[in-house]
Amino acid sequence: MRNFKVLVNTTLALFALVMGSQAAAEPYSNAMANFKQAAESKAFFNTAYGYAIFPTVGKGGFGIGAAYGEGRVYRGGQFTGESTMTQVSIGFQIGGQAYSEIIFFKNAEAYNNFTSGSFEFSAQASAVALNAGASAQVGTTGNSANAGQSGGNQSTKASYVNGMAIFTSAKGGLMYEAAIAGQSFSFKPK
């Protein structure tokens, strides 16, 4: 009877450990699948030196805004460490939203710059939005829909700028903004 209890407890512990690691990996897998399906970003997976993926970035603001997300960094498809993204913005803004973000690194120099410990994008950095029906021009503040787009066509083509290409994908929420912001990243090797 005692051996049976030990076997059951060990089995339950292993099951919890496996399920816990799968649950932690699931948001990353889902975000990765979305970016791999998008025409604008899927080719980057084949050519990029590495990438940082943030499955959920939460953002909100009323005059002053903030955003935060936790992510993972990969080089050659291998997990190399964890990253956090923070952002503070000033200007007209109201609302809240959640989005996913991926940053592709063209080469070792771009990867090393990002993983140096403390990296920042200026307010001029831009990303390609992958949500249908919205314009592609996005600042580091995330996705924002613009009028004048017909049929959800993308107006900005994906390309590397300073060795990095940024893509965002809206998950939900609504935010109106005309704000200045930049993103700051930390990196912790695994």
Protein backbone atom coordinates (compact mmCIF):
# COMPACT_ATOMS: atom_id res chain seq x y z
CA MET A 1 0.00 0.00 0.00
CA ARG A 2 2.83 2.39 0.89
CA ASN A 3 4.55 1.73 -2.45
CA PHE A 4 1.29 2.43 -4.27
CA LYS A 5 0.95 5.83 -2.51
CA VAL A 6 4.53 6.73 -3.42
CA LEU A 7 3.89 5.73 -7.04
CA VAL A 8 0.66 7.78 -7.20
CA ASN A 9 2.30 10.85 -5.60
CA THR A 10 5.31 10.62 -7.90
CA THR A 11 3.07 10.26 -10.95
CA LEU A 12 0.95 13.25 -9.89
CA ALA A 13 4.06 15.36 -9.27
CA LEU A 14 5.48 14.50 -12.70
CA PHE A 15 2.11 15.22 -14.33
CA ALA A 16 1.92 18.62 -12.59
CA LEU A 17 5.47 19.44 -13.65
CA VAL A 18 4.80 18.53 -17.30
CA MET A 19 1.47 20.36 -17.37
CA GLY A 20 2.99 23.41 -15.70
CA SER A 21 5.78 23.68 -18.25
CA GLN A 22 3.30 23.12 -21.11
CA ALA A 23 0.98 25.82 -19.72
CA ALA A 24 3.92 28.24 -19.48
CA ALA A 25 5.00 27.45 -23.06
CA GLU A 26 1.49 27.63 -24.56
CA PRO A 27 1.23 31.44 -24.91
CA TYR A 28 4.61 31.47 -26.68
CA SER A 29 3.58 28.62 -28.99
CA ASN A 30 0.31 30.35 -29.86
CA ALA A 31 1.98 33.71 -30.54
CA MET A 32 4.70 32.01 -32.59
CA ALA A 33 2.10 30.18 -34.68
CA ASN A 34 0.27 33.45 -35.38
CA PHE A 35 3.43 35.20 -36.52
CA LYS A 36 4.49 32.19 -38.64
CA GLN A 37 1.11 32.26 -40.42
CA ALA A 38 1.22 35.97 -41.24
CA ALA A 39 2.54 36.64 -44.74
CA GLU A 40 4.50 39.70 -43.57
CA SER A 41 6.50 37.92 -40.86
CA LYS A 42 6.76 34.23 -41.76
CA ALA A 43 9.81 34.58 -44.04
CA PHE A 44 11.78 36.23 -41.23
CA PHE A 45 11.77 32.96 -39.27
CA ASN A 46 13.91 31.38 -42.04
CA THR A 47 16.51 34.14 -42.29
CA ALA A 48 16.73 35.89 -38.91
CA TYR A 49 19.70 35.32 -36.62
CA GLY A 50 17.28 35.29 -33.69
CA TYR A 51 14.14 36.89 -32.26
CA ALA A 52 12.41 38.04 -29.09
CA ILE A 53 8.73 37.21 -28.68
CA PHE A 54 6.26 38.79 -26.26
CA PRO A 55 2.97 36.81 -26.33
CA THR A 56 1.00 39.49 -24.45
CA VAL A 57 1.85 43.13 -23.97
CA GLY A 58 -0.75 45.01 -21.94
CA LYS A 59 -1.09 48.73 -22.56
CA GLY A 60 -3.33 51.42 -21.13
CA GLY A 61 -3.45 55.14 -20.81
CA PHE A 62 -5.33 58.29 -20.02
CA GLY A 63 -3.00 61.19 -20.81
CA ILE A 64 -0.04 59.24 -19.50
CA GLY A 65 0.22 55.64 -20.60
CA ALA A 66 2.22 52.55 -19.83
CA ALA A 67 2.77 49.09 -21.27
CA TYR A 68 4.40 45.92 -19.98
CA GLY A 69 5.12 42.48 -21.37
CA GLU A 70 7.25 39.44 -20.61
CA GLY A 71 8.98 37.53 -23.35
CA ARG A 72 11.60 35.05 -24.42
CA VAL A 73 14.64 35.48 -26.63
CA TYR A 74 15.82 32.90 -29.16
CA ARG A 75 19.00 32.54 -31.24
CA GLY A 76 19.02 29.99 -34.03
CA GLY A 77 15.69 28.66 -32.77
CA GLN A 78 17.13 27.94 -29.30
CA PHE A 79 15.81 29.64 -26.14
CA THR A 80 18.60 31.83 -24.71
CA GLY A 81 16.90 33.96 -22.06
CA GLU A 82 13.98 36.02 -20.83
CA SER A 83 13.14 39.63 -21.52
CA THR A 84 10.74 42.23 -20.19
CA MET A 85 9.39 45.20 -22.12
CA THR A 86 8.28 48.42 -20.45
CA GLN A 87 6.99 51.60 -22.00
CA VAL A 88 5.83 54.99 -20.78
CA SER A 89 4.04 57.37 -23.15
CA ILE A 90 2.96 60.98 -22.95
CA GLY A 91 0.32 62.64 -25.11
CA PHE A 92 -3.33 62.24 -26.02
CA GLN A 93 -4.37 58.67 -25.29
CA ILE A 94 -7.29 56.89 -23.79
CA GLY A 95 -8.15 53.21 -23.52
CA GLY A 96 -6.39 49.92 -23.18
CA GLN A 97 -5.33 47.03 -25.37
CA ALA A 98 -3.32 43.85 -25.50
CA TYR A 99 -1.07 42.80 -28.35
CA SER A 100 1.70 40.34 -29.19
CA GLU A 101 5.07 41.54 -30.40
CA ILE A 102 8.03 39.89 -32.08
CA ILE A 103 11.41 41.44 -32.84
CA PHE A 104 13.62 39.73 -35.41
CA PHE A 105 17.40 40.20 -35.27
CA LYS A 106 19.08 40.25 -38.69
CA ASN A 107 22.54 39.37 -37.41
CA ALA A 108 24.71 38.73 -34.35
CA GLU A 109 25.30 42.47 -33.85
CA ALA A 110 21.57 43.23 -33.54
CA TYR A 111 21.07 40.21 -31.25
CA ASN A 112 24.01 41.27 -29.05
CA ASN A 113 22.72 44.85 -28.85
CA PHE A 114 19.31 43.62 -27.68
CA THR A 115 20.73 41.11 -25.18
CA SER A 116 23.30 43.52 -23.75
CA GLY A 117 21.12 43.85 -20.64
CA SER A 118 19.32 47.12 -21.23
CA PHE A 119 18.12 48.04 -24.71
CA GLU A 120 15.76 50.82 -25.84
CA PHE A 121 13.83 51.63 -29.00
CA SER A 122 13.41 55.32 -29.67
CA ALA A 123 10.00 56.84 -30.25
CA GLN A 124 10.72 56.76 -33.99
CA ALA A 125 10.89 52.95 -34.16
CA SER A 126 8.02 51.43 -36.09
CA ALA A 127 6.46 48.02 -36.53
CA VAL A 128 4.26 46.23 -39.02
CA ALA A 129 0.81 45.48 -37.62
CA LEU A 130 -0.59 42.09 -38.56
CA ASN A 131 -4.23 42.68 -37.61
CA ALA A 132 -6.52 42.75 -40.65
CA GLY A 133 -8.37 45.96 -41.34
CA ALA A 134 -5.87 48.25 -39.64
CA SER A 135 -3.03 50.14 -41.19
CA ALA A 136 0.43 48.71 -40.91
CA GLN A 137 2.13 51.83 -39.58
CA VAL A 138 2.65 51.41 -35.90
CA GLY A 139 4.97 53.10 -33.46
CA THR A 140 6.47 51.38 -30.49
CA THR A 141 3.18 52.06 -28.74
CA GLY A 142 1.57 49.00 -30.40
CA ASN A 143 -1.32 48.74 -32.82
CA SER A 144 -3.55 51.66 -33.68
CA ALA A 145 -6.16 51.61 -36.41
CA ASN A 146 -6.08 54.36 -39.02
CA ALA A 147 -8.84 55.46 -41.35
CA GLY A 148 -8.36 55.35 -45.08
CA GLN A 149 -7.27 51.75 -45.44
CA SER A 150 -9.22 49.90 -48.05
CA GLY A 151 -9.61 46.16 -47.75
CA GLY A 152 -7.09 45.88 -44.91
CA ASN A 153 -4.08 46.25 -47.23
CA GLN A 154 -0.76 46.78 -45.50
CA SER A 155 0.79 50.18 -46.22
CA THR A 156 4.23 49.47 -44.73
CA LYS A 157 6.47 46.67 -45.96
CA ALA A 158 8.41 44.56 -43.52
CA SER A 159 12.13 45.30 -43.45
CA TYR A 160 15.04 45.47 -41.06
CA VAL A 161 15.88 48.85 -39.57
CA ASN A 162 19.17 48.97 -37.67
CA GLY A 163 19.26 45.17 -37.85
CA MET A 164 15.81 44.63 -36.35
CA ALA A 165 12.29 44.09 -37.72
CA ILE A 166 9.29 44.53 -35.42
CA PHE A 167 5.81 43.04 -35.84
CA THR A 168 2.75 43.39 -33.63
CA SER A 169 -0.55 41.56 -33.62
CA ALA A 170 -3.60 42.92 -31.80
CA LYS A 171 -5.22 40.61 -29.26
CA GLY A 172 -8.01 42.87 -28.01
CA GLY A 173 -9.01 46.23 -26.62
CA LEU A 174 -9.29 49.68 -28.10
CA MET A 175 -6.96 52.61 -27.69
CA TYR A 176 -6.89 56.03 -29.28
CA GLU A 177 -3.61 57.83 -29.11
CA ALA A 178 -1.36 60.53 -30.43
CA ALA A 179 1.49 59.96 -28.03
CA ILE A 180 5.27 59.81 -27.92
CA ALA A 181 6.75 56.65 -26.46
CA GLY A 182 9.72 54.34 -26.66
CA GLN A 183 10.17 50.79 -25.47
CA SER A 184 12.78 49.61 -23.00
CA PHE A 185 13.88 45.98 -22.73
CA SER A 186 15.78 43.97 -20.15
CA PHE A 187 17.42 40.60 -20.78
CA LYS A 188 18.24 37.77 -18.38
CA PRO A 189 20.15 34.80 -19.83
CA LYS A 190 18.72 31.37 -19.01
